[in-house]
Amino acid sequence: MFISQAFAQSGVPTTAGSSLMANVLQILLIFLVFYLLLIRPQQKKFKQHEAELLALQKGDQVITAGGIYATVTQIDGNDLTLEIAKGVEVKAHRFTLREVIKPQSINQKSQSKGKKHV
């Protein structure tokens, strides 16, 4: 009884080709937006960070992945010797650094501490 009723119901026939093409276009559009908004900027940021790490020089100030502020005192390939306090040096791998501190950003931070916000 149920089978005969199911076959008796007929809707508007749809063409499988057009709905399949619409679904594929929607998926491609979503992937394109995802790539432009998330993947591409992240890759650009990663490449910039890697370039900063490869350009490290003796005397540069850095922040480690653990949040420790340090100054680079020696570079030996990918191994760095970092001075975290006077007379206290530690070794770290180049790619465990989170950020290279630029001298202008230090000056901006010290100036903003002096200003009082109302």
PDB file of N, CA and C in Angstrom:
ATOM      1  N   MET A   1       0.821  -1.187   0.000  1.00  0.00           N
ATOM      2  CA  MET A   1       0.000   0.000   0.000  1.00  0.00           C
ATOM      3  C   MET A   1       0.871   1.258   0.000  1.00  0.00           C
ATOM      4  N   PHE A   2       1.904   1.262   0.799  1.00  0.00           N
ATOM      5  CA  PHE A   2       2.767   2.435   0.848  1.00  0.00           C
ATOM      6  C   PHE A   2       3.570   2.591  -0.441  1.00  0.00           C
ATOM      7  N   ILE A   3       3.963   1.493  -1.024  1.00  0.00           N
ATOM      8  CA  ILE A   3       4.775   1.556  -2.228  1.00  0.00           C
ATOM      9  C   ILE A   3       3.973   2.143  -3.383  1.00  0.00           C
ATOM     10  N   SER A   4       2.743   1.731  -3.508  1.00  0.00           N
ATOM     11  CA  SER A   4       1.937   2.248  -4.616  1.00  0.00           C
ATOM     12  C   SER A   4       1.668   3.733  -4.441  1.00  0.00           C
ATOM     13  N   GLN A   5       1.530   4.203  -3.202  1.00  0.00           N
ATOM     14  CA  GLN A   5       1.317   5.625  -2.991  1.00  0.00           C
ATOM     15  C   GLN A   5       2.594   6.416  -3.300  1.00  0.00           C
ATOM     16  N   ALA A   6       3.734   5.856  -2.967  1.00  0.00           N
ATOM     17  CA  ALA A   6       4.988   6.553  -3.227  1.00  0.00           C
ATOM     18  C   ALA A   6       5.216   6.712  -4.723  1.00  0.00           C
ATOM     19  N   PHE A   7       4.912   5.691  -5.495  1.00  0.00           N
ATOM     20  CA  PHE A   7       5.081   5.800  -6.932  1.00  0.00           C
ATOM     21  C   PHE A   7       4.021   6.693  -7.550  1.00  0.00           C
ATOM     22  N   ALA A   8       2.914   6.823  -6.901  1.00  0.00           N
ATOM     23  CA  ALA A   8       1.826   7.629  -7.456  1.00  0.00           C
ATOM     24  C   ALA A   8       2.135   9.120  -7.343  1.00  0.00           C
ATOM     25  N   GLN A   9       2.936   9.487  -6.349  1.00  0.00           N
ATOM     26  CA  GLN A   9       3.267  10.904  -6.184  1.00  0.00           C
ATOM     27  C   GLN A   9       4.327  11.280  -7.205  1.00  0.00           C
ATOM     28  N   SER A  10       4.047  12.280  -7.939  1.00  0.00           N
ATOM     29  CA  SER A  10       5.031  12.745  -8.918  1.00  0.00           C
ATOM     30  C   SER A  10       5.187  14.247  -8.740  1.00  0.00           C
ATOM     31  N   GLY A  11       6.422  14.681  -8.740  1.00  0.00           N
ATOM     32  CA  GLY A  11       6.699  16.106  -8.615  1.00  0.00           C
ATOM     33  C   GLY A  11       7.185  16.640  -9.939  1.00  0.00           C
ATOM     34  N   VAL A  12       7.666  17.819  -9.902  1.00  0.00           N
ATOM     35  CA  VAL A  12       8.212  18.427 -11.114  1.00  0.00           C
ATOM     36  C   VAL A  12       9.559  17.763 -11.377  1.00  0.00           C
ATOM     37  N   PRO A  13       9.764  17.221 -12.540  1.00  0.00           N
ATOM     38  CA  PRO A  13      11.046  16.570 -12.814  1.00  0.00           C
ATOM     39  C   PRO A  13      12.183  17.594 -12.841  1.00  0.00           C
ATOM     40  N   THR A  14      13.287  17.236 -12.199  1.00  0.00           N
ATOM     41  CA  THR A  14      14.447  18.122 -12.180  1.00  0.00           C
ATOM     42  C   THR A  14      15.537  17.485 -13.018  1.00  0.00           C
ATOM     43  N   THR A  15      16.320  18.317 -13.607  1.00  0.00           N
ATOM     44  CA  THR A  15      17.436  17.786 -14.378  1.00  0.00           C
ATOM     45  C   THR A  15      18.626  17.641 -13.439  1.00  0.00           C
ATOM     46  N   ALA A  16      19.198  16.475 -13.413  1.00  0.00           N
ATOM     47  CA  ALA A  16      20.293  16.183 -12.501  1.00  0.00           C
ATOM     48  C   ALA A  16      21.531  16.981 -12.850  1.00  0.00           C
ATOM     49  N   GLY A  17      21.740  17.287 -14.102  1.00  0.00           N
ATOM     50  CA  GLY A  17      22.929  18.010 -14.524  1.00  0.00           C
ATOM     51  C   GLY A  17      22.986  19.428 -13.981  1.00  0.00           C
ATOM     52  N   SER A  18      21.875  20.151 -14.006  1.00  0.00           N
ATOM     53  CA  SER A  18      21.887  21.543 -13.556  1.00  0.00           C
ATOM     54  C   SER A  18      22.024  21.634 -12.041  1.00  0.00           C
ATOM     55  N   SER A  19      21.407  20.749 -11.296  1.00  0.00           N
ATOM     56  CA  SER A  19      21.525  20.814  -9.839  1.00  0.00           C
ATOM     57  C   SER A  19      22.919  20.385  -9.399  1.00  0.00           C
ATOM     58  N   LEU A  20      23.511  19.431 -10.103  1.00  0.00           N
ATOM     59  CA  LEU A  20      24.873  19.005  -9.778  1.00  0.00           C
ATOM     60  C   LEU A  20      25.854  20.138 -10.052  1.00  0.00           C
ATOM     61  N   MET A  21      25.676  20.817 -11.172  1.00  0.00           N
ATOM     62  CA  MET A  21      26.556  21.933 -11.521  1.00  0.00           C
ATOM     63  C   MET A  21      26.406  23.072 -10.511  1.00  0.00           C
ATOM     64  N   ALA A  22      25.195  23.344 -10.074  1.00  0.00           N
ATOM     65  CA  ALA A  22      24.968  24.400  -9.076  1.00  0.00           C
ATOM     66  C   ALA A  22      25.647  24.044  -7.760  1.00  0.00           C
ATOM     67  N   ASN A  23      25.572  22.794  -7.352  1.00  0.00           N
ATOM     68  CA  ASN A  23      26.218  22.365  -6.109  1.00  0.00           C
ATOM     69  C   ASN A  23      27.737  22.480  -6.204  1.00  0.00           C
ATOM     70  N   VAL A  24      28.293  22.087  -7.331  1.00  0.00           N
ATOM     71  CA  VAL A  24      29.742  22.167  -7.517  1.00  0.00           C
ATOM     72  C   VAL A  24      30.192  23.627  -7.507  1.00  0.00           C
ATOM     73  N   LEU A  25      29.440  24.508  -8.161  1.00  0.00           N
ATOM     74  CA  LEU A  25      29.783  25.929  -8.166  1.00  0.00           C
ATOM     75  C   LEU A  25      29.711  26.531  -6.767  1.00  0.00           C
ATOM     76  N   GLN A  26      28.725  26.123  -5.984  1.00  0.00           N
ATOM     77  CA  GLN A  26      28.617  26.627  -4.613  1.00  0.00           C
ATOM     78  C   GLN A  26      29.815  26.178  -3.778  1.00  0.00           C
ATOM     79  N   ILE A  27      30.211  24.931  -3.913  1.00  0.00           N
ATOM     80  CA  ILE A  27      31.352  24.416  -3.161  1.00  0.00           C
ATOM     81  C   ILE A  27      32.631  25.137  -3.577  1.00  0.00           C
ATOM     82  N   LEU A  28      32.809  25.347  -4.890  1.00  0.00           N
ATOM     83  CA  LEU A  28      33.989  26.070  -5.372  1.00  0.00           C
ATOM     84  C   LEU A  28      33.997  27.512  -4.874  1.00  0.00           C
ATOM     85  N   LEU A  29      32.863  28.157  -4.857  1.00  0.00           N
ATOM     86  CA  LEU A  29      32.763  29.528  -4.366  1.00  0.00           C
ATOM     87  C   LEU A  29      33.109  29.596  -2.874  1.00  0.00           C
ATOM     88  N   ILE A  30      32.613  28.658  -2.099  1.00  0.00           N
ATOM     89  CA  ILE A  30      32.922  28.619  -0.667  1.00  0.00           C
ATOM     90  C   ILE A  30      34.412  28.393  -0.456  1.00  0.00           C
ATOM     91  N   PHE A  31      35.015  27.484  -1.213  1.00  0.00           N
ATOM     92  CA  PHE A  31      36.444  27.230  -1.080  1.00  0.00           C
ATOM     93  C   PHE A  31      37.251  28.467  -1.470  1.00  0.00           C
ATOM     94  N   LEU A  32      36.856  29.169  -2.514  1.00  0.00           N
ATOM     95  CA  LEU A  32      37.551  30.379  -2.943  1.00  0.00           C
ATOM     96  C   LEU A  32      37.510  31.450  -1.854  1.00  0.00           C
ATOM     97  N   VAL A  33      36.354  31.672  -1.278  1.00  0.00           N
ATOM     98  CA  VAL A  33      36.227  32.650  -0.194  1.00  0.00           C
ATOM     99  C   VAL A  33      37.066  32.217   1.006  1.00  0.00           C
ATOM    100  N   PHE A  34      37.020  30.950   1.358  1.00  0.00           N
ATOM    101  CA  PHE A  34      37.810  30.409   2.462  1.00  0.00           C
ATOM    102  C   PHE A  34      39.298  30.624   2.209  1.00  0.00           C
ATOM    103  N   TYR A  35      39.743  30.377   0.980  1.00  0.00           N
ATOM    104  CA  TYR A  35      41.153  30.555   0.637  1.00  0.00           C
ATOM    105  C   TYR A  35      41.554  32.020   0.738  1.00  0.00           C
ATOM    106  N   LEU A  36      40.734  32.920   0.177  1.00  0.00           N
ATOM    107  CA  LEU A  36      41.086  34.337   0.164  1.00  0.00           C
ATOM    108  C   LEU A  36      41.052  34.966   1.549  1.00  0.00           C
ATOM    109  N   LEU A  37      40.156  34.521   2.415  1.00  0.00           N
ATOM    110  CA  LEU A  37      40.019  35.143   3.729  1.00  0.00           C
ATOM    111  C   LEU A  37      40.849  34.486   4.819  1.00  0.00           C
ATOM    112  N   LEU A  38      41.174  33.208   4.696  1.00  0.00           N
ATOM    113  CA  LEU A  38      41.877  32.512   5.771  1.00  0.00           C
ATOM    114  C   LEU A  38      43.233  31.958   5.383  1.00  0.00           C
ATOM    115  N   ILE A  39      43.297  31.181   4.348  1.00  0.00           N
ATOM    116  CA  ILE A  39      44.528  30.455   4.019  1.00  0.00           C
ATOM    117  C   ILE A  39      45.604  31.401   3.508  1.00  0.00           C
ATOM    118  N   ARG A  40      45.291  32.243   2.549  1.00  0.00           N
ATOM    119  CA  ARG A  40      46.292  33.118   1.941  1.00  0.00           C
ATOM    120  C   ARG A  40      46.904  34.100   2.932  1.00  0.00           C
ATOM    121  N   PRO A  41      46.119  34.804   3.754  1.00  0.00           N
ATOM    122  CA  PRO A  41      46.740  35.705   4.728  1.00  0.00           C
ATOM    123  C   PRO A  41      47.610  34.966   5.746  1.00  0.00           C
ATOM    124  N   GLN A  42      47.199  33.765   6.139  1.00  0.00           N
ATOM    125  CA  GLN A  42      47.996  32.993   7.091  1.00  0.00           C
ATOM    126  C   GLN A  42      49.323  32.572   6.476  1.00  0.00           C
ATOM    127  N   GLN A  43      49.323  32.168   5.207  1.00  0.00           N
ATOM    128  CA  GLN A  43      50.568  31.803   4.536  1.00  0.00           C
ATOM    129  C   GLN A  43      51.490  33.014   4.404  1.00  0.00           C
ATOM    130  N   LYS A  44      50.925  34.165   4.105  1.00  0.00           N
ATOM    131  CA  LYS A  44      51.715  35.380   3.973  1.00  0.00           C
ATOM    132  C   LYS A  44      52.354  35.749   5.318  1.00  0.00           C
ATOM    133  N   LYS A  45      51.584  35.649   6.380  1.00  0.00           N
ATOM    134  CA  LYS A  45      52.095  35.950   7.720  1.00  0.00           C
ATOM    135  C   LYS A  45      53.200  34.962   8.109  1.00  0.00           C
ATOM    136  N   PHE A  46      53.022  33.690   7.785  1.00  0.00           N
ATOM    137  CA  PHE A  46      54.025  32.678   8.097  1.00  0.00           C
ATOM    138  C   PHE A  46      55.326  32.948   7.350  1.00  0.00           C
ATOM    139  N   LYS A  47      55.243  33.292   6.073  1.00  0.00           N
ATOM    140  CA  LYS A  47      56.441  33.577   5.283  1.00  0.00           C
ATOM    141  C   LYS A  47      57.169  34.812   5.818  1.00  0.00           C
ATOM    142  N   GLN A  48      56.420  35.826   6.229  1.00  0.00           N
ATOM    143  CA  GLN A  48      57.032  37.027   6.785  1.00  0.00           C
ATOM    144  C   GLN A  48      57.744  36.706   8.102  1.00  0.00           C
ATOM    145  N   HIS A  49      57.112  35.904   8.949  1.00  0.00           N
ATOM    146  CA  HIS A  49      57.716  35.507  10.227  1.00  0.00           C
ATOM    147  C   HIS A  49      58.987  34.691   9.993  1.00  0.00           C
ATOM    148  N   GLU A  50      58.945  33.783   9.034  1.00  0.00           N
ATOM    149  CA  GLU A  50      60.113  32.967   8.718  1.00  0.00           C
ATOM    150  C   GLU A  50      61.257  33.835   8.189  1.00  0.00           C
ATOM    151  N   ALA A  51      60.945  34.837   7.380  1.00  0.00           N
ATOM    152  CA  ALA A  51      61.976  35.734   6.866  1.00  0.00           C
ATOM    153  C   ALA A  51      62.610  36.540   7.998  1.00  0.00           C
ATOM    154  N   GLU A  52      61.796  36.983   8.955  1.00  0.00           N
ATOM    155  CA  GLU A  52      62.331  37.715  10.108  1.00  0.00           C
ATOM    156  C   GLU A  52      63.271  36.830  10.920  1.00  0.00           C
ATOM    157  N   LEU A  53      62.892  35.570  11.112  1.00  0.00           N
ATOM    158  CA  LEU A  53      63.728  34.662  11.896  1.00  0.00           C
ATOM    159  C   LEU A  53      65.039  34.353  11.180  1.00  0.00           C
ATOM    160  N   LEU A  54      64.998  34.231   9.872  1.00  0.00           N
ATOM    161  CA  LEU A  54      66.217  33.946   9.117  1.00  0.00           C
ATOM    162  C   LEU A  54      67.144  35.167   9.048  1.00  0.00           C
ATOM    163  N   ALA A  55      66.599  36.365   9.226  1.00  0.00           N
ATOM    164  CA  ALA A  55      67.386  37.592   9.163  1.00  0.00           C
ATOM    165  C   ALA A  55      67.879  38.044  10.538  1.00  0.00           C
ATOM    166  N   LEU A  56      67.732  37.212  11.558  1.00  0.00           N
ATOM    167  CA  LEU A  56      68.173  37.588  12.904  1.00  0.00           C
ATOM    168  C   LEU A  56      69.659  37.888  12.926  1.00  0.00           C
ATOM    169  N   GLN A  57      70.016  38.887  13.724  1.00  0.00           N
ATOM    170  CA  GLN A  57      71.417  39.240  13.899  1.00  0.00           C
ATOM    171  C   GLN A  57      71.714  39.367  15.379  1.00  0.00           C
ATOM    172  N   LYS A  58      72.987  39.374  15.681  1.00  0.00           N
ATOM    173  CA  LYS A  58      73.427  39.533  17.051  1.00  0.00           C
ATOM    174  C   LYS A  58      72.960  40.900  17.565  1.00  0.00           C
ATOM    175  N   GLY A  59      72.365  40.914  18.742  1.00  0.00           N
ATOM    176  CA  GLY A  59      71.870  42.154  19.334  1.00  0.00           C
ATOM    177  C   GLY A  59      70.381  42.375  19.151  1.00  0.00           C
ATOM    178  N   ASP A  60      69.725  41.587  18.310  1.00  0.00           N
ATOM    179  CA  ASP A  60      68.280  41.731  18.118  1.00  0.00           C
ATOM    180  C   ASP A  60      67.538  41.288  19.372  1.00  0.00           C
ATOM    181  N   GLN A  61      66.439  41.968  19.650  1.00  0.00           N
ATOM    182  CA  GLN A  61      65.602  41.584  20.781  1.00  0.00           C
ATOM    183  C   GLN A  61      64.447  40.734  20.263  1.00  0.00           C
ATOM    184  N   VAL A  62      64.147  39.679  21.018  1.00  0.00           N
ATOM    185  CA  VAL A  62      63.137  38.710  20.600  1.00  0.00           C
ATOM    186  C   VAL A  62      62.254  38.336  21.773  1.00  0.00           C
ATOM    187  N   ILE A  63      61.141  37.706  21.457  1.00  0.00           N
ATOM    188  CA  ILE A  63      60.266  37.096  22.462  1.00  0.00           C
ATOM    189  C   ILE A  63      60.189  35.618  22.123  1.00  0.00           C
ATOM    190  N   THR A  64      60.453  34.763  23.106  1.00  0.00           N
ATOM    191  CA  THR A  64      60.404  33.326  22.866  1.00  0.00           C
ATOM    192  C   THR A  64      58.962  32.844  22.884  1.00  0.00           C
ATOM    193  N   ALA A  65      58.768  31.590  22.509  1.00  0.00           N
ATOM    194  CA  ALA A  65      57.423  31.007  22.512  1.00  0.00           C
ATOM    195  C   ALA A  65      56.854  30.956  23.924  1.00  0.00           C
ATOM    196  N   GLY A  66      57.729  30.925  24.914  1.00  0.00           N
ATOM    197  CA  GLY A  66      57.282  30.916  26.312  1.00  0.00           C
ATOM    198  C   GLY A  66      57.016  32.292  26.869  1.00  0.00           C
ATOM    199  N   GLY A  67      57.243  33.347  26.065  1.00  0.00           N
ATOM    200  CA  GLY A  67      56.946  34.702  26.500  1.00  0.00           C
ATOM    201  C   GLY A  67      58.117  35.398  27.177  1.00  0.00           C
ATOM    202  N   ILE A  68      59.330  34.888  27.033  1.00  0.00           N
ATOM    203  CA  ILE A  68      60.500  35.477  27.667  1.00  0.00           C
ATOM    204  C   ILE A  68      61.140  36.468  26.696  1.00  0.00           C
ATOM    205  N   TYR A  69      61.376  37.674  27.190  1.00  0.00           N
ATOM    206  CA  TYR A  69      62.069  38.685  26.395  1.00  0.00           C
ATOM    207  C   TYR A  69      63.557  38.416  26.498  1.00  0.00           C
ATOM    208  N   ALA A  70      64.257  38.463  25.359  1.00  0.00           N
ATOM    209  CA  ALA A  70      65.676  38.144  25.354  1.00  0.00           C
ATOM    210  C   ALA A  70      66.381  38.917  24.257  1.00  0.00           C
ATOM    211  N   THR A  71      67.717  38.918  24.350  1.00  0.00           N
ATOM    212  CA  THR A  71      68.560  39.535  23.336  1.00  0.00           C
ATOM    213  C   THR A  71      69.459  38.457  22.751  1.00  0.00           C
ATOM    214  N   VAL A  72      69.574  38.424  21.434  1.00  0.00           N
ATOM    215  CA  VAL A  72      70.409  37.434  20.765  1.00  0.00           C
ATOM    216  C   VAL A  72      71.874  37.822  20.982  1.00  0.00           C
ATOM    217  N   THR A  73      72.662  36.896  21.555  1.00  0.00           N
ATOM    218  CA  THR A  73      74.082  37.173  21.779  1.00  0.00           C
ATOM    219  C   THR A  73      74.974  36.361  20.855  1.00  0.00           C
ATOM    220  N   GLN A  74      74.488  35.234  20.367  1.00  0.00           N
ATOM    221  CA  GLN A  74      75.302  34.404  19.488  1.00  0.00           C
ATOM    222  C   GLN A  74      74.384  33.594  18.584  1.00  0.00           C
ATOM    223  N   ILE A  75      74.804  33.435  17.328  1.00  0.00           N
ATOM    224  CA  ILE A  75      74.035  32.654  16.351  1.00  0.00           C
ATOM    225  C   ILE A  75      74.938  31.554  15.816  1.00  0.00           C
ATOM    226  N   ASP A  76      74.453  30.313  15.923  1.00  0.00           N
ATOM    227  CA  ASP A  76      75.199  29.158  15.417  1.00  0.00           C
ATOM    228  C   ASP A  76      74.235  28.301  14.603  1.00  0.00           C
ATOM    229  N   GLY A  77      74.060  28.657  13.326  1.00  0.00           N
ATOM    230  CA  GLY A  77      73.094  27.940  12.486  1.00  0.00           C
ATOM    231  C   GLY A  77      71.683  28.248  12.962  1.00  0.00           C
ATOM    232  N   ASN A  78      70.951  27.207  13.352  1.00  0.00           N
ATOM    233  CA  ASN A  78      69.597  27.388  13.876  1.00  0.00           C
ATOM    234  C   ASN A  78      69.570  27.487  15.396  1.00  0.00           C
ATOM    235  N   ASP A  79      70.717  27.339  16.039  1.00  0.00           N
ATOM    236  CA  ASP A  79      70.797  27.470  17.494  1.00  0.00           C
ATOM    237  C   ASP A  79      71.210  28.887  17.857  1.00  0.00           C
ATOM    238  N   LEU A  80      70.488  29.479  18.783  1.00  0.00           N
ATOM    239  CA  LEU A  80      70.760  30.836  19.228  1.00  0.00           C
ATOM    240  C   LEU A  80      71.099  30.825  20.706  1.00  0.00           C
ATOM    241  N   THR A  81      71.983  31.710  21.103  1.00  0.00           N
ATOM    242  CA  THR A  81      72.225  31.939  22.522  1.00  0.00           C
ATOM    243  C   THR A  81      71.533  33.246  22.849  1.00  0.00           C
ATOM    244  N   LEU A  82      70.643  33.191  23.821  1.00  0.00           N
ATOM    245  CA  LEU A  82      69.838  34.344  24.193  1.00  0.00           C
ATOM    246  C   LEU A  82      70.191  34.793  25.599  1.00  0.00           C
ATOM    247  N   GLU A  83      70.328  36.079  25.784  1.00  0.00           N
ATOM    248  CA  GLU A  83      70.568  36.624  27.117  1.00  0.00           C
ATOM    249  C   GLU A  83      69.226  37.120  27.651  1.00  0.00           C
ATOM    250  N   ILE A  84      68.753  36.486  28.734  1.00  0.00           N
ATOM    251  CA  ILE A  84      67.456  36.851  29.284  1.00  0.00           C
ATOM    252  C   ILE A  84      67.592  37.803  30.475  1.00  0.00           C
ATOM    253  N   ALA A  85      68.790  37.870  31.051  1.00  0.00           N
ATOM    254  CA  ALA A  85      69.123  38.824  32.110  1.00  0.00           C
ATOM    255  C   ALA A  85      70.635  38.985  32.074  1.00  0.00           C
ATOM    256  N   LYS A  86      71.161  39.959  32.787  1.00  0.00           N
ATOM    257  CA  LYS A  86      72.612  40.168  32.775  1.00  0.00           C
ATOM    258  C   LYS A  86      73.307  38.925  33.301  1.00  0.00           C
ATOM    259  N   GLY A  87      74.148  38.339  32.447  1.00  0.00           N
ATOM    260  CA  GLY A  87      74.905  37.154  32.834  1.00  0.00           C
ATOM    261  C   GLY A  87      74.129  35.847  32.755  1.00  0.00           C
ATOM    262  N   VAL A  88      72.849  35.884  32.344  1.00  0.00           N
ATOM    263  CA  VAL A  88      72.039  34.669  32.234  1.00  0.00           C
ATOM    264  C   VAL A  88      71.756  34.412  30.756  1.00  0.00           C
ATOM    265  N   GLU A  89      72.361  33.348  30.240  1.00  0.00           N
ATOM    266  CA  GLU A  89      72.175  33.024  28.832  1.00  0.00           C
ATOM    267  C   GLU A  89      71.569  31.634  28.687  1.00  0.00           C
ATOM    268  N   VAL A  90      70.715  31.491  27.696  1.00  0.00           N
ATOM    269  CA  VAL A  90      70.094  30.199  27.402  1.00  0.00           C
ATOM    270  C   VAL A  90      70.223  29.941  25.911  1.00  0.00           C
ATOM    271  N   LYS A  91      70.177  28.674  25.549  1.00  0.00           N
ATOM    272  CA  LYS A  91      70.192  28.307  24.126  1.00  0.00           C
ATOM    273  C   LYS A  91      68.764  28.018  23.692  1.00  0.00           C
ATOM    274  N   ALA A  92      68.462  28.399  22.467  1.00  0.00           N
ATOM    275  CA  ALA A  92      67.130  28.155  21.923  1.00  0.00           C
ATOM    276  C   ALA A  92      67.260  27.905  20.428  1.00  0.00           C
ATOM    277  N   HIS A  93      66.312  27.193  19.892  1.00  0.00           N
ATOM    278  CA  HIS A  93      66.254  26.962  18.452  1.00  0.00           C
ATOM    279  C   HIS A  93      65.633  28.197  17.805  1.00  0.00           C
ATOM    280  N   ARG A  94      66.112  28.527  16.630  1.00  0.00           N
ATOM    281  CA  ARG A  94      65.672  29.741  15.932  1.00  0.00           C
ATOM    282  C   ARG A  94      64.149  29.782  15.740  1.00  0.00           C
ATOM    283  N   PHE A  95      63.554  28.657  15.400  1.00  0.00           N
ATOM    284  CA  PHE A  95      62.136  28.653  15.057  1.00  0.00           C
ATOM    285  C   PHE A  95      61.216  28.485  16.264  1.00  0.00           C
ATOM    286  N   THR A  96      61.786  28.540  17.489  1.00  0.00           N
ATOM    287  CA  THR A  96      60.927  28.553  18.681  1.00  0.00           C
ATOM    288  C   THR A  96      60.668  29.973  19.146  1.00  0.00           C
ATOM    289  N   LEU A  97      61.156  30.953  18.402  1.00  0.00           N
ATOM    290  CA  LEU A  97      60.903  32.340  18.755  1.00  0.00           C
ATOM    291  C   LEU A  97      59.547  32.763  18.214  1.00  0.00           C
ATOM    292  N   ARG A  98      58.844  33.517  19.035  1.00  0.00           N
ATOM    293  CA  ARG A  98      57.513  33.950  18.639  1.00  0.00           C
ATOM    294  C   ARG A  98      57.550  35.248  17.845  1.00  0.00           C
ATOM    295  N   GLU A  99      58.454  36.156  18.248  1.00  0.00           N
ATOM    296  CA  GLU A  99      58.425  37.471  17.630  1.00  0.00           C
ATOM    297  C   GLU A  99      59.798  38.116  17.706  1.00  0.00           C
ATOM    298  N   VAL A 100      60.134  38.871  16.687  1.00  0.00           N
ATOM    299  CA  VAL A 100      61.329  39.704  16.694  1.00  0.00           C
ATOM    300  C   VAL A 100      60.849  41.118  16.992  1.00  0.00           C
ATOM    301  N   ILE A 101      61.390  41.705  18.052  1.00  0.00           N
ATOM    302  CA  ILE A 101      60.939  43.033  18.466  1.00  0.00           C
ATOM    303  C   ILE A 101      61.705  44.072  17.666  1.00  0.00           C
ATOM    304  N   LYS A 102      60.970  44.963  17.041  1.00  0.00           N
ATOM    305  CA  LYS A 102      61.579  46.023  16.261  1.00  0.00           C
ATOM    306  C   LYS A 102      61.854  47.215  17.194  1.00  0.00           C
ATOM    307  N   PRO A 103      62.956  47.941  16.996  1.00  0.00           N
ATOM    308  CA  PRO A 103      63.288  49.063  17.871  1.00  0.00           C
ATOM    309  C   PRO A 103      62.194  50.125  17.935  1.00  0.00           C
ATOM    310  N   GLN A 104      61.508  50.404  16.831  1.00  0.00           N
ATOM    311  CA  GLN A 104      60.463  51.420  16.852  1.00  0.00           C
ATOM    312  C   GLN A 104      59.283  50.991  17.702  1.00  0.00           C
ATOM    313  N   SER A 105      58.965  49.687  17.741  1.00  0.00           N
ATOM    314  CA  SER A 105      57.842  49.231  18.555  1.00  0.00           C
ATOM    315  C   SER A 105      58.158  49.362  20.039  1.00  0.00           C
ATOM    316  N   ILE A 106      59.438  49.241  20.418  1.00  0.00           N
ATOM    317  CA  ILE A 106      59.826  49.418  21.816  1.00  0.00           C
ATOM    318  C   ILE A 106      59.622  50.871  22.221  1.00  0.00           C
ATOM    319  N   ASN A 107      60.025  51.801  21.352  1.00  0.00           N
ATOM    320  CA  ASN A 107      59.854  53.225  21.645  1.00  0.00           C
ATOM    321  C   ASN A 107      58.387  53.595  21.752  1.00  0.00           C
ATOM    322  N   GLN A 108      57.540  53.034  20.896  1.00  0.00           N
ATOM    323  CA  GLN A 108      56.113  53.317  20.939  1.00  0.00           C
ATOM    324  C   GLN A 108      55.495  52.793  22.226  1.00  0.00           C
ATOM    325  N   LYS A 109      55.929  51.610  22.685  1.00  0.00           N
ATOM    326  CA  LYS A 109      55.390  51.045  23.921  1.00  0.00           C
ATOM    327  C   LYS A 109      55.790  51.888  25.117  1.00  0.00           C
ATOM    328  N   SER A 110      57.042  52.357  25.142  1.00  0.00           N
ATOM    329  CA  SER A 110      57.491  53.158  26.280  1.00  0.00           C
ATOM    330  C   SER A 110      56.795  54.512  26.290  1.00  0.00           C
ATOM    331  N   GLN A 111      56.517  55.088  25.114  1.00  0.00           N
ATOM    332  CA  GLN A 111      55.812  56.355  25.056  1.00  0.00           C
ATOM    333  C   GLN A 111      54.360  56.198  25.474  1.00  0.00           C
ATOM    334  N   SER A 112      53.736  55.079  25.105  1.00  0.00           N
ATOM    335  CA  SER A 112      52.330  54.880  25.471  1.00  0.00           C
ATOM    336  C   SER A 112      52.173  54.625  26.957  1.00  0.00           C
ATOM    337  N   LYS A 113      53.208  54.122  27.630  1.00  0.00           N
ATOM    338  CA  LYS A 113      53.139  53.916  29.085  1.00  0.00           C
ATOM    339  C   LYS A 113      53.144  55.258  29.807  1.00  0.00           C
ATOM    340  N   GLY A 114      53.828  56.239  29.237  1.00  0.00           N
ATOM    341  CA  GLY A 114      53.914  57.545  29.866  1.00  0.00           C
ATOM    342  C   GLY A 114      52.619  58.321  29.763  1.00  0.00           C
ATOM    343  N   LYS A 115      51.827  58.053  28.753  1.00  0.00           N
ATOM    344  CA  LYS A 115      50.561  58.757  28.558  1.00  0.00           C
ATOM    345  C   LYS A 115      49.481  58.116  29.410  1.00  0.00           C
ATOM    346  N   LYS A 116      48.650  58.972  29.996  1.00  0.00           N
ATOM    347  CA  LYS A 116      47.529  58.462  30.792  1.00  0.00           C
ATOM    348  C   LYS A 116      46.256  58.617  29.978  1.00  0.00           C
ATOM    349  N   HIS A 117      45.506  57.532  29.944  1.00  0.00           N
ATOM    350  CA  HIS A 117      44.229  57.535  29.212  1.00  0.00           C
ATOM    351  C   HIS A 117      43.113  57.866  30.179  1.00  0.00           C
ATOM    352  N   VAL A 118      42.192  58.711  29.728  1.00  0.00           N
ATOM    353  CA  VAL A 118      41.083  59.117  30.580  1.00  0.00           C
ATOM    354  C   VAL A 118      39.877  58.298  30.272  1.00  0.00           C
TER     355      VAL A 118
END
